[in-house]
Amino acid sequence: MGKSNHEWRDRQNRDPYIKRALKEGWRSRAAFKLEEINNKEKILYPGMTCVDLGSAPGSWSQYVSVKLKEKVEIIALDILPMDYLPAVEFIQGDFLDDEVFSSIINLLKNRKIDLVMSDMAPNISGIKISDQARSIYLVELALDVAKKILKKRGNFICKLFQGQGSDIFIKDVRQDFVKVKVFKPKSSRPDSREVYLIAKSYLG
C-alpha cells in the first residue's frame, strides 16, 4: 500500500464524524453537513418536496427523511446505485440525459418544488485546474436544474469548491435568489476547499 493510501486510511480512522456516522447509522459523514446547514438556515420542513442531485450513497436524502419523519417527498438522482430509503424515489441516471430529466418532471407531475440540493463533486484527477473547472461545471448544471424546477421562493443548496470560477458562480446565483450565503460546516474537513452555497427565496 502506498504512502498516500496509508495517510488516507489514518485520516479516516481519526475522523470523529466518520465514527459518529457509523455509530448513529448514517450512510456517510455528509449527513452532518446538511444538519449544520439546516440548523443555520431552517430549510427543511414537513410536507416539502425536494430533489437531491448526486445523491448516492444517500446520506442527504436519509437525513431529510429522518428529520421530517418521512413527511416529505424526495426525488434522488445519481449515476451510481443507491439503496432504498423511506419517502425517497430514486432515479439512477445522469440528469444531463433528457430522458432522465423527463423522469424527474414526470414524477413531479409538472409541480414546482421547494428545495434542490446537491452534494456532488467531480472525480478528482489531482490536476487542480481541471478538477476546479469540472466542479464549477457541476454546480452550474445543478443551478440550471434548480431554475427549471424550483417554485418561487424555493431554496437551493450545493457544494462549492473555492477557487477559479467560484466567485463568478456566486455572483450569478445572487441574480436569481433573494439571500445567498457561503457556509463552511464544522463537519467539513478544515483542509478542504469545499464550502456550501445556501441560496434562499428563488425569484422565479
N, C-alpha and C. Protein backbone atom coordinates (compact mmCIF):
# COMPACT_ATOMS: atom_id res chain seq x y z
N MET A 1 0.85 -1.19 0.00
CA MET A 1 0.00 0.00 0.00
C MET A 1 0.89 1.25 0.00
N GLY A 2 0.56 2.23 -0.86
CA GLY A 2 1.37 3.43 -0.97
C GLY A 2 1.18 4.35 0.22
N LYS A 3 2.10 5.31 0.32
CA LYS A 3 2.07 6.26 1.43
C LYS A 3 0.74 7.03 1.47
N SER A 4 0.24 7.45 0.30
CA SER A 4 -1.00 8.23 0.26
C SER A 4 -2.18 7.40 0.74
N ASN A 5 -2.18 6.09 0.46
CA ASN A 5 -3.25 5.22 0.95
C ASN A 5 -3.21 5.09 2.47
N HIS A 6 -1.99 4.98 3.01
CA HIS A 6 -1.83 4.92 4.46
C HIS A 6 -2.34 6.21 5.10
N GLU A 7 -1.99 7.36 4.50
CA GLU A 7 -2.41 8.65 5.05
C GLU A 7 -3.92 8.77 5.02
N TRP A 8 -4.52 8.31 3.90
CA TRP A 8 -5.98 8.38 3.76
C TRP A 8 -6.65 7.52 4.83
N ARG A 9 -6.13 6.30 5.01
CA ARG A 9 -6.72 5.39 6.00
C ARG A 9 -6.56 5.93 7.42
N ASP A 10 -5.39 6.49 7.72
CA ASP A 10 -5.17 7.09 9.04
C ASP A 10 -6.16 8.22 9.30
N ARG A 11 -6.36 9.04 8.27
CA ARG A 11 -7.29 10.16 8.42
C ARG A 11 -8.72 9.66 8.65
N GLN A 12 -9.11 8.62 7.90
CA GLN A 12 -10.44 8.03 8.08
C GLN A 12 -10.61 7.50 9.50
N ASN A 13 -9.59 6.82 9.99
CA ASN A 13 -9.67 6.23 11.32
C ASN A 13 -9.74 7.29 12.43
N ARG A 14 -9.15 8.45 12.16
CA ARG A 14 -9.14 9.52 13.16
C ARG A 14 -10.38 10.42 13.10
N ASP A 15 -11.09 10.36 11.99
CA ASP A 15 -12.18 11.30 11.73
C ASP A 15 -13.36 11.05 12.69
N PRO A 16 -13.66 11.99 13.59
CA PRO A 16 -14.74 11.77 14.55
C PRO A 16 -16.12 11.70 13.89
N TYR A 17 -16.26 12.37 12.74
CA TYR A 17 -17.57 12.37 12.07
C TYR A 17 -17.85 11.03 11.38
N ILE A 18 -16.80 10.37 10.91
CA ILE A 18 -16.97 9.03 10.34
C ILE A 18 -17.38 8.06 11.45
N LYS A 19 -16.73 8.17 12.60
CA LYS A 19 -17.07 7.31 13.74
C LYS A 19 -18.52 7.56 14.19
N ARG A 20 -18.89 8.83 14.23
CA ARG A 20 -20.24 9.18 14.67
C ARG A 20 -21.29 8.69 13.66
N ALA A 21 -20.98 8.81 12.37
CA ALA A 21 -21.91 8.35 11.34
C ALA A 21 -22.15 6.85 11.46
N LEU A 22 -21.08 6.10 11.68
CA LEU A 22 -21.20 4.64 11.85
C LEU A 22 -22.04 4.32 13.09
N LYS A 23 -21.78 5.03 14.16
CA LYS A 23 -22.47 4.78 15.43
C LYS A 23 -23.96 5.10 15.32
N GLU A 24 -24.28 6.20 14.62
CA GLU A 24 -25.67 6.66 14.55
C GLU A 24 -26.44 6.09 13.36
N GLY A 25 -25.75 5.36 12.48
CA GLY A 25 -26.43 4.72 11.37
C GLY A 25 -26.63 5.57 10.12
N TRP A 26 -25.83 6.64 9.98
CA TRP A 26 -25.90 7.46 8.77
C TRP A 26 -25.05 6.83 7.67
N ARG A 27 -25.46 7.02 6.43
CA ARG A 27 -24.74 6.39 5.31
C ARG A 27 -23.37 7.00 5.07
N SER A 28 -23.19 8.25 5.43
CA SER A 28 -21.86 8.86 5.37
C SER A 28 -21.83 10.08 6.28
N ARG A 29 -20.64 10.61 6.50
CA ARG A 29 -20.44 11.79 7.35
C ARG A 29 -21.10 13.04 6.76
N ALA A 30 -21.48 13.00 5.47
CA ALA A 30 -22.09 14.16 4.81
C ALA A 30 -23.41 14.55 5.47
N ALA A 31 -24.06 13.61 6.15
CA ALA A 31 -25.33 13.92 6.83
C ALA A 31 -25.14 15.08 7.82
N PHE A 32 -23.98 15.15 8.45
CA PHE A 32 -23.75 16.19 9.46
C PHE A 32 -23.60 17.57 8.82
N LYS A 33 -23.12 17.60 7.57
CA LYS A 33 -23.01 18.88 6.87
C LYS A 33 -24.40 19.45 6.62
N LEU A 34 -25.32 18.59 6.17
CA LEU A 34 -26.69 19.04 5.92
C LEU A 34 -27.37 19.42 7.24
N GLU A 35 -27.08 18.69 8.28
CA GLU A 35 -27.64 19.02 9.61
C GLU A 35 -27.20 20.42 10.02
N GLU A 36 -25.93 20.74 9.83
CA GLU A 36 -25.43 22.08 10.19
C GLU A 36 -26.06 23.16 9.32
N ILE A 37 -26.21 22.87 8.02
CA ILE A 37 -26.84 23.82 7.10
C ILE A 37 -28.28 24.10 7.55
N ASN A 38 -29.00 23.04 7.89
CA ASN A 38 -30.40 23.21 8.30
C ASN A 38 -30.50 23.91 9.65
N ASN A 39 -29.60 23.60 10.57
CA ASN A 39 -29.61 24.29 11.87
C ASN A 39 -29.40 25.79 11.70
N LYS A 40 -28.60 26.14 10.69
CA LYS A 40 -28.28 27.54 10.45
C LYS A 40 -29.40 28.26 9.70
N GLU A 41 -29.99 27.59 8.70
CA GLU A 41 -30.89 28.29 7.78
C GLU A 41 -32.33 27.78 7.76
N LYS A 42 -32.62 26.68 8.50
CA LYS A 42 -34.00 26.16 8.60
C LYS A 42 -34.65 25.99 7.22
N ILE A 43 -34.02 25.16 6.40
CA ILE A 43 -34.55 24.95 5.04
C ILE A 43 -35.46 23.73 4.93
N LEU A 44 -35.50 22.91 5.97
CA LEU A 44 -36.31 21.69 5.92
C LEU A 44 -37.57 21.84 6.76
N TYR A 45 -38.71 21.42 6.20
CA TYR A 45 -39.98 21.50 6.92
C TYR A 45 -40.92 20.42 6.39
N PRO A 46 -41.81 19.91 7.25
CA PRO A 46 -42.71 18.82 6.84
C PRO A 46 -43.57 19.20 5.64
N GLY A 47 -43.81 18.21 4.77
CA GLY A 47 -44.67 18.41 3.62
C GLY A 47 -43.97 18.97 2.39
N MET A 48 -42.69 19.20 2.49
CA MET A 48 -41.96 19.78 1.36
C MET A 48 -41.61 18.72 0.32
N THR A 49 -41.27 19.19 -0.87
CA THR A 49 -40.77 18.33 -1.94
C THR A 49 -39.37 18.80 -2.30
N CYS A 50 -38.43 17.85 -2.38
CA CYS A 50 -37.07 18.25 -2.75
C CYS A 50 -36.44 17.24 -3.71
N VAL A 51 -35.47 17.73 -4.45
CA VAL A 51 -34.69 16.91 -5.37
C VAL A 51 -33.25 16.91 -4.87
N ASP A 52 -32.68 15.72 -4.78
CA ASP A 52 -31.31 15.51 -4.29
C ASP A 52 -30.45 15.04 -5.47
N LEU A 53 -29.62 15.94 -5.98
CA LEU A 53 -28.77 15.64 -7.14
C LEU A 53 -27.45 15.03 -6.68
N GLY A 54 -27.02 13.96 -7.34
CA GLY A 54 -25.78 13.29 -6.96
C GLY A 54 -25.93 12.68 -5.58
N SER A 55 -27.02 11.94 -5.38
CA SER A 55 -27.46 11.55 -4.03
C SER A 55 -26.68 10.41 -3.39
N ALA A 56 -26.15 9.47 -4.17
CA ALA A 56 -25.51 8.27 -3.61
C ALA A 56 -24.32 8.66 -2.71
N PRO A 57 -24.16 7.96 -1.59
CA PRO A 57 -24.87 6.78 -1.10
C PRO A 57 -26.21 7.07 -0.45
N GLY A 58 -26.58 8.36 -0.32
CA GLY A 58 -27.91 8.69 0.15
C GLY A 58 -28.01 9.37 1.49
N SER A 59 -26.89 9.87 2.01
CA SER A 59 -26.93 10.42 3.37
C SER A 59 -27.76 11.70 3.47
N TRP A 60 -27.77 12.53 2.42
CA TRP A 60 -28.59 13.75 2.48
C TRP A 60 -30.07 13.39 2.42
N SER A 61 -30.44 12.51 1.51
CA SER A 61 -31.84 12.06 1.44
C SER A 61 -32.24 11.39 2.74
N GLN A 62 -31.34 10.58 3.29
CA GLN A 62 -31.60 9.89 4.56
C GLN A 62 -31.84 10.91 5.68
N TYR A 63 -31.00 11.93 5.75
CA TYR A 63 -31.15 12.93 6.81
C TYR A 63 -32.49 13.65 6.69
N VAL A 64 -32.87 14.04 5.47
CA VAL A 64 -34.14 14.75 5.27
C VAL A 64 -35.31 13.85 5.66
N SER A 65 -35.27 12.59 5.22
CA SER A 65 -36.34 11.64 5.53
C SER A 65 -36.50 11.44 7.04
N VAL A 66 -35.37 11.28 7.74
CA VAL A 66 -35.40 11.07 9.19
C VAL A 66 -35.83 12.35 9.93
N LYS A 67 -35.23 13.47 9.54
CA LYS A 67 -35.51 14.75 10.19
C LYS A 67 -37.00 15.10 10.10
N LEU A 68 -37.61 14.83 8.95
CA LEU A 68 -39.01 15.20 8.73
C LEU A 68 -39.96 14.03 8.98
N LYS A 69 -39.43 12.96 9.60
CA LYS A 69 -40.24 11.79 9.95
C LYS A 69 -41.02 11.26 8.75
N GLU A 70 -40.35 11.29 7.59
CA GLU A 70 -40.88 10.78 6.32
C GLU A 70 -42.04 11.61 5.77
N LYS A 71 -42.32 12.77 6.39
CA LYS A 71 -43.38 13.66 5.89
C LYS A 71 -42.76 14.59 4.85
N VAL A 72 -42.31 13.99 3.77
CA VAL A 72 -41.57 14.71 2.74
C VAL A 72 -41.58 13.87 1.47
N GLU A 73 -41.46 14.52 0.36
CA GLU A 73 -41.30 13.81 -0.92
C GLU A 73 -39.92 14.15 -1.46
N ILE A 74 -39.10 13.12 -1.61
CA ILE A 74 -37.72 13.32 -2.09
C ILE A 74 -37.53 12.54 -3.39
N ILE A 75 -37.02 13.23 -4.40
CA ILE A 75 -36.59 12.56 -5.62
C ILE A 75 -35.07 12.64 -5.64
N ALA A 76 -34.42 11.49 -5.58
CA ALA A 76 -32.97 11.42 -5.53
C ALA A 76 -32.44 10.88 -6.85
N LEU A 77 -31.30 11.38 -7.25
CA LEU A 77 -30.76 11.06 -8.57
C LEU A 77 -29.25 10.87 -8.50
N ASP A 78 -28.76 9.80 -9.11
CA ASP A 78 -27.32 9.61 -9.20
C ASP A 78 -27.02 8.61 -10.32
N ILE A 79 -25.82 8.71 -10.88
CA ILE A 79 -25.41 7.72 -11.89
C ILE A 79 -25.03 6.40 -11.21
N LEU A 80 -24.75 6.46 -9.90
CA LEU A 80 -24.44 5.25 -9.12
C LEU A 80 -25.72 4.71 -8.48
N PRO A 81 -25.77 3.42 -8.18
CA PRO A 81 -26.95 2.88 -7.49
C PRO A 81 -27.05 3.39 -6.06
N MET A 82 -28.26 3.35 -5.52
CA MET A 82 -28.48 3.79 -4.15
C MET A 82 -29.54 2.89 -3.52
N ASP A 83 -29.28 2.44 -2.29
CA ASP A 83 -30.23 1.57 -1.59
C ASP A 83 -31.48 2.34 -1.19
N TYR A 84 -32.56 1.59 -1.01
CA TYR A 84 -33.87 2.16 -0.68
C TYR A 84 -33.83 3.00 0.60
N LEU A 85 -34.60 4.08 0.57
CA LEU A 85 -34.85 4.91 1.75
C LEU A 85 -36.34 5.27 1.78
N PRO A 86 -36.95 5.33 2.95
CA PRO A 86 -38.35 5.74 3.04
C PRO A 86 -38.53 7.17 2.54
N ALA A 87 -39.65 7.42 1.86
CA ALA A 87 -40.03 8.74 1.33
C ALA A 87 -39.13 9.21 0.19
N VAL A 88 -38.32 8.29 -0.35
CA VAL A 88 -37.40 8.66 -1.44
C VAL A 88 -37.70 7.85 -2.69
N GLU A 89 -37.85 8.57 -3.79
CA GLU A 89 -37.97 7.95 -5.12
C GLU A 89 -36.62 8.13 -5.79
N PHE A 90 -35.94 7.03 -6.07
CA PHE A 90 -34.59 7.12 -6.63
C PHE A 90 -34.60 6.85 -8.12
N ILE A 91 -33.90 7.70 -8.86
CA ILE A 91 -33.70 7.52 -10.30
C ILE A 91 -32.21 7.34 -10.54
N GLN A 92 -31.83 6.23 -11.14
CA GLN A 92 -30.41 6.03 -11.48
C GLN A 92 -30.19 6.51 -12.90
N GLY A 93 -29.32 7.49 -13.05
CA GLY A 93 -29.05 8.04 -14.37
C GLY A 93 -28.38 9.39 -14.26
N ASP A 94 -28.07 9.96 -15.40
CA ASP A 94 -27.40 11.26 -15.49
C ASP A 94 -28.45 12.31 -15.82
N PHE A 95 -28.59 13.33 -14.96
CA PHE A 95 -29.65 14.31 -15.21
C PHE A 95 -29.40 15.16 -16.46
N LEU A 96 -28.20 15.03 -17.06
CA LEU A 96 -27.95 15.68 -18.35
C LEU A 96 -28.69 14.96 -19.48
N ASP A 97 -29.05 13.72 -19.23
CA ASP A 97 -29.78 12.92 -20.20
C ASP A 97 -31.24 13.39 -20.21
N ASP A 98 -31.74 13.78 -21.38
CA ASP A 98 -33.11 14.32 -21.49
C ASP A 98 -34.14 13.34 -20.94
N GLU A 99 -33.91 12.05 -21.17
CA GLU A 99 -34.86 11.04 -20.71
C GLU A 99 -34.90 10.98 -19.18
N VAL A 100 -33.73 11.09 -18.58
CA VAL A 100 -33.65 11.07 -17.11
C VAL A 100 -34.31 12.32 -16.53
N PHE A 101 -34.03 13.47 -17.12
CA PHE A 101 -34.65 14.71 -16.65
C PHE A 101 -36.17 14.65 -16.80
N SER A 102 -36.63 14.05 -17.90
CA SER A 102 -38.07 13.86 -18.11
C SER A 102 -38.68 13.00 -17.02
N SER A 103 -37.90 12.02 -16.53
CA SER A 103 -38.39 11.16 -15.44
C SER A 103 -38.65 11.98 -14.18
N ILE A 104 -37.77 12.95 -13.91
CA ILE A 104 -37.98 13.83 -12.75
C ILE A 104 -39.26 14.63 -12.94
N ILE A 105 -39.41 15.22 -14.11
CA ILE A 105 -40.60 16.05 -14.40
C ILE A 105 -41.87 15.21 -14.28
N ASN A 106 -41.82 13.97 -14.77
CA ASN A 106 -42.99 13.09 -14.70
C ASN A 106 -43.36 12.77 -13.25
N LEU A 107 -42.34 12.50 -12.42
CA LEU A 107 -42.61 12.22 -11.01
C LEU A 107 -43.20 13.43 -10.31
N LEU A 108 -42.77 14.60 -10.72
CA LEU A 108 -43.27 15.83 -10.11
C LEU A 108 -44.65 16.22 -10.64
N LYS A 109 -45.03 15.57 -11.77
CA LYS A 109 -46.32 15.90 -12.41
C LYS A 109 -46.43 17.40 -12.68
N ASN A 110 -45.32 17.96 -13.16
CA ASN A 110 -45.20 19.37 -13.53
C ASN A 110 -45.35 20.34 -12.36
N ARG A 111 -45.28 19.82 -11.12
CA ARG A 111 -45.29 20.71 -9.96
C ARG A 111 -43.90 21.33 -9.78
N LYS A 112 -43.87 22.52 -9.27
CA LYS A 112 -42.60 23.13 -8.87
C LYS A 112 -42.30 22.71 -7.43
N ILE A 113 -41.02 22.73 -7.07
CA ILE A 113 -40.63 22.15 -5.78
C ILE A 113 -40.01 23.18 -4.83
N ASP A 114 -39.79 22.72 -3.59
CA ASP A 114 -39.33 23.62 -2.52
C ASP A 114 -37.81 23.72 -2.39
N LEU A 115 -37.11 22.65 -2.72
CA LEU A 115 -35.66 22.62 -2.48
C LEU A 115 -34.94 21.75 -3.50
N VAL A 116 -33.86 22.28 -4.06
CA VAL A 116 -32.91 21.47 -4.83
C VAL A 116 -31.61 21.47 -4.04
N MET A 117 -31.09 20.26 -3.78
CA MET A 117 -29.83 20.16 -3.02
C MET A 117 -28.84 19.28 -3.79
N SER A 118 -27.59 19.65 -3.70
CA SER A 118 -26.55 18.94 -4.44
C SER A 118 -25.27 18.87 -3.61
N ASP A 119 -24.84 17.65 -3.34
CA ASP A 119 -23.55 17.45 -2.66
C ASP A 119 -22.56 16.84 -3.65
N MET A 120 -22.80 17.10 -4.94
CA MET A 120 -21.96 16.50 -5.99
C MET A 120 -20.54 17.05 -5.98
N ALA A 121 -19.61 16.18 -6.31
CA ALA A 121 -18.21 16.58 -6.50
C ALA A 121 -17.67 15.76 -7.67
N PRO A 122 -16.75 16.34 -8.45
CA PRO A 122 -16.18 15.58 -9.56
C PRO A 122 -15.23 14.50 -9.07
N ASN A 123 -15.00 13.49 -9.88
CA ASN A 123 -13.93 12.54 -9.58
C ASN A 123 -12.61 13.29 -9.67
N ILE A 124 -11.85 13.26 -8.61
CA ILE A 124 -10.63 14.06 -8.53
C ILE A 124 -9.49 13.40 -9.32
N SER A 125 -8.90 14.20 -10.22
CA SER A 125 -7.78 13.69 -11.03
C SER A 125 -6.44 14.06 -10.40
N GLY A 126 -6.47 15.08 -9.52
CA GLY A 126 -5.23 15.57 -8.93
C GLY A 126 -4.67 16.77 -9.69
N ILE A 127 -5.25 17.07 -10.85
CA ILE A 127 -4.84 18.26 -11.61
C ILE A 127 -5.77 19.39 -11.20
N LYS A 128 -5.28 20.31 -10.39
CA LYS A 128 -6.13 21.29 -9.72
C LYS A 128 -6.98 22.11 -10.69
N ILE A 129 -6.38 22.57 -11.77
CA ILE A 129 -7.11 23.45 -12.70
C ILE A 129 -8.29 22.71 -13.32
N SER A 130 -8.05 21.49 -13.78
CA SER A 130 -9.15 20.75 -14.42
C SER A 130 -10.17 20.28 -13.40
N ASP A 131 -9.73 19.89 -12.20
CA ASP A 131 -10.67 19.49 -11.15
C ASP A 131 -11.58 20.66 -10.77
N GLN A 132 -11.01 21.85 -10.65
CA GLN A 132 -11.80 23.03 -10.30
C GLN A 132 -12.80 23.36 -11.40
N ALA A 133 -12.35 23.28 -12.65
CA ALA A 133 -13.24 23.56 -13.79
C ALA A 133 -14.42 22.58 -13.80
N ARG A 134 -14.13 21.30 -13.52
CA ARG A 134 -15.21 20.30 -13.51
C ARG A 134 -16.16 20.53 -12.34
N SER A 135 -15.63 20.97 -11.21
CA SER A 135 -16.51 21.22 -10.06
C SER A 135 -17.44 22.41 -10.34
N ILE A 136 -16.92 23.44 -11.00
CA ILE A 136 -17.76 24.59 -11.35
C ILE A 136 -18.82 24.19 -12.38
N TYR A 137 -18.43 23.34 -13.32
CA TYR A 137 -19.38 22.84 -14.31
C TYR A 137 -20.54 22.12 -13.62
N LEU A 138 -20.24 21.31 -12.60
CA LEU A 138 -21.29 20.57 -11.89
C LEU A 138 -22.25 21.50 -11.17
N VAL A 139 -21.74 22.53 -10.49
CA VAL A 139 -22.64 23.43 -9.76
C VAL A 139 -23.47 24.27 -10.73
N GLU A 140 -22.90 24.59 -11.89
CA GLU A 140 -23.67 25.31 -12.91
C GLU A 140 -24.82 24.46 -13.42
N LEU A 141 -24.56 23.17 -13.61
CA LEU A 141 -25.62 22.24 -14.02
C LEU A 141 -26.70 22.15 -12.95
N ALA A 142 -26.28 22.04 -11.70
CA ALA A 142 -27.23 21.94 -10.59
C ALA A 142 -28.10 23.20 -10.51
N LEU A 143 -27.48 24.37 -10.69
CA LEU A 143 -28.23 25.63 -10.68
C LEU A 143 -29.23 25.66 -11.83
N ASP A 144 -28.83 25.17 -12.98
CA ASP A 144 -29.71 25.14 -14.15
C ASP A 144 -30.95 24.29 -13.86
N VAL A 145 -30.74 23.14 -13.23
CA VAL A 145 -31.87 22.28 -12.85
C VAL A 145 -32.76 23.01 -11.85
N ALA A 146 -32.14 23.64 -10.85
CA ALA A 146 -32.90 24.36 -9.82
C ALA A 146 -33.81 25.43 -10.45
N LYS A 147 -33.28 26.16 -11.40
CA LYS A 147 -34.05 27.23 -12.03
C LYS A 147 -35.22 26.69 -12.85
N LYS A 148 -35.11 25.45 -13.28
CA LYS A 148 -36.21 24.84 -14.06
C LYS A 148 -37.32 24.28 -13.18
N ILE A 149 -36.98 23.83 -11.97
CA ILE A 149 -37.99 23.11 -11.19
C ILE A 149 -38.35 23.74 -9.85
N LEU A 150 -37.63 24.77 -9.41
CA LEU A 150 -37.97 25.40 -8.13
C LEU A 150 -39.20 26.28 -8.25
N LYS A 151 -40.02 26.26 -7.21
CA LYS A 151 -41.12 27.20 -7.15
C LYS A 151 -40.58 28.57 -6.72
N LYS A 152 -41.36 29.59 -6.93
CA LYS A 152 -40.96 30.92 -6.47
C LYS A 152 -40.79 30.87 -4.96
N ARG A 153 -39.72 31.43 -4.46
CA ARG A 153 -39.31 31.43 -3.04
C ARG A 153 -38.75 30.07 -2.59
N GLY A 154 -38.50 29.17 -3.53
CA GLY A 154 -37.84 27.90 -3.22
C GLY A 154 -36.35 28.12 -2.93
N ASN A 155 -35.70 27.08 -2.43
CA ASN A 155 -34.30 27.19 -1.99
C ASN A 155 -33.38 26.22 -2.74
N PHE A 156 -32.10 26.57 -2.75
CA PHE A 156 -31.08 25.79 -3.46
C PHE A 156 -29.82 25.74 -2.60
N ILE A 157 -29.29 24.54 -2.39
CA ILE A 157 -28.00 24.42 -1.69
C ILE A 157 -27.08 23.51 -2.49
N CYS A 158 -25.81 23.84 -2.52
CA CYS A 158 -24.87 22.99 -3.26
C CYS A 158 -23.47 23.10 -2.67
N LYS A 159 -22.74 22.00 -2.86
CA LYS A 159 -21.31 22.01 -2.51
C LYS A 159 -20.57 22.82 -3.57
N LEU A 160 -19.64 23.65 -3.11
CA LEU A 160 -18.86 24.50 -4.00
C LEU A 160 -17.41 24.48 -3.55
N PHE A 161 -16.51 24.29 -4.50
CA PHE A 161 -15.08 24.32 -4.16
C PHE A 161 -14.54 25.71 -4.49
N GLN A 162 -13.94 26.34 -3.48
CA GLN A 162 -13.42 27.69 -3.67
C GLN A 162 -12.20 27.66 -4.59
N GLY A 163 -12.19 28.57 -5.53
CA GLY A 163 -11.10 28.62 -6.49
C GLY A 163 -11.58 29.34 -7.74
N GLN A 164 -10.87 29.16 -8.83
CA GLN A 164 -11.21 29.85 -10.07
C GLN A 164 -12.66 29.55 -10.48
N GLY A 165 -13.42 30.61 -10.69
CA GLY A 165 -14.80 30.46 -11.14
C GLY A 165 -15.83 30.48 -10.02
N SER A 166 -15.40 30.26 -8.77
CA SER A 166 -16.39 30.17 -7.69
C SER A 166 -17.03 31.53 -7.38
N ASP A 167 -16.25 32.61 -7.41
CA ASP A 167 -16.81 33.94 -7.13
C ASP A 167 -17.80 34.35 -8.21
N ILE A 168 -17.49 34.03 -9.46
CA ILE A 168 -18.40 34.35 -10.57
C ILE A 168 -19.70 33.57 -10.42
N PHE A 169 -19.57 32.29 -10.03
CA PHE A 169 -20.77 31.47 -9.83
C PHE A 169 -21.65 32.06 -8.73
N ILE A 170 -21.05 32.44 -7.61
CA ILE A 170 -21.82 33.03 -6.50
C ILE A 170 -22.54 34.29 -6.96
N LYS A 171 -21.85 35.09 -7.75
CA LYS A 171 -22.44 36.33 -8.29
C LYS A 171 -23.64 36.01 -9.18
N ASP A 172 -23.53 34.95 -9.98
CA ASP A 172 -24.64 34.53 -10.84
C ASP A 172 -25.85 34.10 -10.01
N VAL A 173 -25.58 33.35 -8.95
CA VAL A 173 -26.67 32.86 -8.10
C VAL A 173 -27.40 34.03 -7.45
N ARG A 174 -26.66 35.06 -7.06
CA ARG A 174 -27.27 36.23 -6.40
C ARG A 174 -28.31 36.92 -7.31
N GLN A 175 -28.20 36.74 -8.60
CA GLN A 175 -29.16 37.36 -9.52
C GLN A 175 -30.53 36.68 -9.45
N ASP A 176 -30.56 35.43 -8.97
CA ASP A 176 -31.81 34.66 -9.00
C ASP A 176 -32.42 34.38 -7.64
N PHE A 177 -31.70 34.70 -6.55
CA PHE A 177 -32.19 34.41 -5.21
C PHE A 177 -32.07 35.65 -4.33
N VAL A 178 -33.00 35.77 -3.38
CA VAL A 178 -33.02 36.95 -2.50
C VAL A 178 -31.83 36.95 -1.55
N LYS A 179 -31.51 35.76 -1.01
CA LYS A 179 -30.48 35.68 0.03
C LYS A 179 -29.50 34.57 -0.33
N VAL A 180 -28.23 34.87 -0.41
CA VAL A 180 -27.20 33.89 -0.75
C VAL A 180 -26.07 33.96 0.27
N LYS A 181 -25.73 32.80 0.84
CA LYS A 181 -24.64 32.72 1.83
C LYS A 181 -23.68 31.62 1.43
N VAL A 182 -22.43 31.79 1.83
CA VAL A 182 -21.42 30.74 1.71
C VAL A 182 -21.09 30.29 3.12
N PHE A 183 -21.15 28.99 3.34
CA PHE A 183 -21.05 28.43 4.69
C PHE A 183 -20.07 27.27 4.71
N LYS A 184 -19.20 27.26 5.70
CA LYS A 184 -18.24 26.16 5.89
C LYS A 184 -18.65 25.39 7.16
N PRO A 185 -19.28 24.20 7.00
CA PRO A 185 -19.67 23.44 8.19
C PRO A 185 -18.46 22.98 8.99
N LYS A 186 -18.64 22.81 10.29
CA LYS A 186 -17.57 22.28 11.13
C LYS A 186 -17.23 20.85 10.74
N SER A 187 -18.23 20.12 10.21
CA SER A 187 -18.01 18.73 9.81
C SER A 187 -17.31 18.61 8.46
N SER A 188 -17.09 19.73 7.80
CA SER A 188 -16.29 19.74 6.57
C SER A 188 -14.82 19.77 6.98
N ARG A 189 -14.00 18.97 6.33
CA ARG A 189 -12.59 18.89 6.74
C ARG A 189 -11.92 20.26 6.61
N PRO A 190 -11.18 20.68 7.61
CA PRO A 190 -10.57 22.02 7.61
C PRO A 190 -9.65 22.27 6.42
N ASP A 191 -8.97 21.22 5.95
CA ASP A 191 -8.02 21.40 4.84
C ASP A 191 -8.69 21.33 3.47
N SER A 192 -10.01 21.14 3.44
CA SER A 192 -10.73 21.05 2.17
C SER A 192 -11.17 22.44 1.71
N ARG A 193 -11.18 22.64 0.40
CA ARG A 193 -11.64 23.91 -0.17
C ARG A 193 -13.17 23.94 -0.30
N GLU A 194 -13.83 22.87 0.12
CA GLU A 194 -15.28 22.83 -0.04
C GLU A 194 -15.99 23.75 0.95
N VAL A 195 -17.00 24.43 0.42
CA VAL A 195 -17.93 25.21 1.21
C VAL A 195 -19.32 24.88 0.66
N TYR A 196 -20.34 25.40 1.30
CA TYR A 196 -21.70 25.17 0.81
C TYR A 196 -22.38 26.50 0.53
N LEU A 197 -22.93 26.58 -0.65
CA LEU A 197 -23.68 27.77 -1.04
C LEU A 197 -25.14 27.54 -0.68
N ILE A 198 -25.71 28.47 0.08
CA ILE A 198 -27.11 28.38 0.50
C ILE A 198 -27.84 29.56 -0.13
N ALA A 199 -28.73 29.27 -1.07
CA ALA A 199 -29.46 30.30 -1.79
C ALA A 199 -30.94 30.17 -1.45
N LYS A 200 -31.50 31.24 -0.87
CA LYS A 200 -32.88 31.17 -0.38
C LYS A 200 -33.78 32.15 -1.14
N SER A 201 -35.02 31.70 -1.31
CA SER A 201 -36.08 32.53 -1.89
C SER A 201 -35.83 32.86 -3.36
N TYR A 202 -36.03 31.81 -4.18
CA TYR A 202 -35.87 31.93 -5.64
C TYR A 202 -36.82 32.98 -6.19
N LEU A 203 -36.29 33.85 -7.04
CA LEU A 203 -37.08 34.93 -7.60
C LEU A 203 -38.00 34.47 -8.73
N GLY A 204 -37.72 33.29 -9.28
CA GLY A 204 -38.58 32.76 -10.35
C GLY A 204 -38.45 33.54 -11.64
